[in-house]
């Protein structure tokens, strides 16, 4: 008599796949560029950070940096605060947590029973 096999748990279904404009999807898209990853790393380590400091520390032109900061802001990953003519950027932790939560769910799904376990 064959032994009963455990029923595999369903695959992780993040909101990013089902909801257009979801924060998780937007953050992951925004992070899919080397310059944006570098900008986020600088802001996370030293923020709130003025865009002028980023221009001094990163090997990119001011228009490139501004463009990519805008992408990160529209994705919800960066918050910005204006003081006079200066703009300060900080990380939106909720947006970062949304993307990190999806990655954690992916990791957890690797340790669940799989259909291939029953072949």
Protein backbone atom coordinates (compact mmCIF):
# COMPACT_ATOMS: atom_id res chain seq x y z
CA UNK A 1 0.00 0.00 0.00
CA UNK A 2 1.54 3.33 -1.06
CA UNK A 3 2.22 5.82 1.70
CA UNK A 4 0.26 9.05 1.76
CA UNK A 5 2.23 11.94 0.33
CA UNK A 6 1.96 15.38 1.91
CA UNK A 7 -0.05 17.88 -0.07
CA UNK A 8 2.23 20.69 -1.21
CA UNK A 9 1.41 24.17 -0.03
CA UNK A 10 0.40 26.68 -2.71
CA UNK A 11 3.03 28.77 -4.44
CA UNK A 12 3.57 32.21 -2.95
CA UNK A 13 1.24 34.74 -4.59
CA UNK A 14 2.59 38.22 -3.97
CA UNK A 15 0.34 41.22 -4.55
CA UNK A 16 2.89 42.37 -7.14
CA UNK A 17 1.68 39.72 -9.55
CA UNK A 18 -2.01 40.39 -9.13
CA UNK A 19 -2.29 44.13 -8.47
CA UNK A 20 -1.01 46.59 -11.08
CA UNK A 21 0.86 49.48 -9.50
CA UNK A 22 1.56 47.53 -6.33
CA UNK A 23 4.40 48.88 -4.22
CA UNK A 24 6.30 45.58 -4.32
CA UNK A 25 6.39 45.49 -8.09
CA UNK A 26 7.26 49.17 -8.42
CA UNK A 27 10.11 48.91 -5.89
CA UNK A 28 11.58 45.82 -7.55
CA UNK A 29 11.40 47.49 -10.96
CA UNK A 30 13.05 50.62 -9.59
CA UNK A 31 15.88 48.61 -8.05
CA UNK A 32 16.61 46.87 -11.36
CA UNK A 33 19.29 49.38 -12.37
CA UNK A 34 22.88 49.60 -11.04
CA UNK A 35 22.84 53.38 -10.52
CA UNK A 36 19.55 53.25 -8.63
CA UNK A 37 20.90 50.46 -6.42
CA UNK A 38 23.92 52.64 -5.66
CA UNK A 39 21.74 55.67 -4.90
CA UNK A 40 19.52 53.65 -2.54
CA UNK A 41 22.59 52.23 -0.78
CA UNK A 42 23.98 55.74 -0.18
CA UNK A 43 20.66 57.10 1.09
CA UNK A 44 20.07 54.08 3.33
CA UNK A 45 23.55 54.32 4.85
CA UNK A 46 23.73 58.09 5.27
CA UNK A 47 20.24 59.55 4.76
CA UNK A 48 18.42 61.80 4.84
CA UNK A 49 20.79 62.92 2.16
CA UNK A 50 20.82 66.01 -0.05
CA UNK A 51 21.00 65.36 -3.76
CA UNK A 52 24.13 67.54 -3.92
CA UNK A 53 25.97 65.05 -1.69
CA UNK A 54 24.98 62.23 -4.00
CA UNK A 55 26.38 64.15 -6.95
CA UNK A 56 29.70 64.50 -5.12
CA UNK A 57 29.89 60.80 -4.19
CA UNK A 58 28.60 59.00 -7.27
CA UNK A 59 30.29 58.80 -10.66
CA UNK A 60 27.33 60.03 -12.70
CA UNK A 61 26.14 63.36 -14.07
CA UNK A 62 23.66 65.54 -12.20
CA UNK A 63 20.91 64.90 -14.80
CA UNK A 64 21.42 61.12 -14.54
CA UNK A 65 21.24 61.23 -10.75
CA UNK A 66 18.13 63.43 -10.79
CA UNK A 67 16.41 61.15 -13.30
CA UNK A 68 17.08 58.04 -11.23
CA UNK A 69 16.14 59.71 -7.94
CA UNK A 70 12.83 60.58 -9.61
CA UNK A 71 12.28 56.95 -10.61
CA UNK A 72 13.00 55.81 -7.04
CA UNK A 73 10.66 58.47 -5.64
CA UNK A 74 7.80 57.61 -8.03
CA UNK A 75 8.21 53.94 -7.10
CA UNK A 76 7.68 54.92 -3.47
CA UNK A 77 11.12 53.81 -2.33
CA UNK A 78 12.43 57.29 -1.57
CA UNK A 79 10.73 60.12 0.27
CA UNK A 80 11.86 63.67 -0.35
CA UNK A 81 11.80 66.87 1.65
CA UNK A 82 12.56 70.28 0.23
CA UNK A 83 14.41 72.90 2.29
CA UNK A 84 14.86 76.03 0.24
CA UNK A 85 16.63 74.99 -2.93
CA UNK A 86 17.90 71.70 -1.48
CA UNK A 87 16.08 68.38 -1.68
CA UNK A 88 16.76 65.71 0.94
CA UNK A 89 16.04 62.04 0.27
CA UNK A 90 15.34 59.26 2.76
CA UNK A 91 14.25 55.65 2.46
CA UNK A 92 10.55 54.80 2.73
CA UNK A 93 10.86 51.76 4.98
CA UNK A 94 7.35 50.50 4.22
CA UNK A 95 8.16 50.23 0.51
CA UNK A 96 11.46 48.52 1.27
CA UNK A 97 9.68 46.12 3.63
CA UNK A 98 7.13 45.25 0.92
CA UNK A 99 9.86 44.17 -1.48
CA UNK A 100 11.82 42.43 1.27
CA UNK A 101 8.69 40.60 2.41
CA UNK A 102 8.19 39.20 -1.08
CA UNK A 103 11.79 37.94 -1.17
CA UNK A 104 11.34 36.35 2.26
CA UNK A 105 8.17 34.60 1.06
CA UNK A 106 10.09 33.26 -1.93
CA UNK A 107 12.77 31.89 0.35
CA UNK A 108 10.16 30.29 2.62
CA UNK A 109 8.42 28.64 -0.36
CA UNK A 110 11.68 26.87 -1.23
CA UNK A 111 11.37 24.83 1.97
CA UNK A 112 7.79 23.68 1.48
CA UNK A 113 6.89 20.30 -0.03
CA UNK A 114 7.10 20.36 -3.84
CA UNK A 115 5.28 18.34 -6.44
CA UNK A 116 8.64 16.97 -7.61
CA UNK A 117 9.05 15.38 -4.17
CA UNK A 118 6.40 12.84 -5.20
CA UNK A 119 7.79 11.78 -8.60
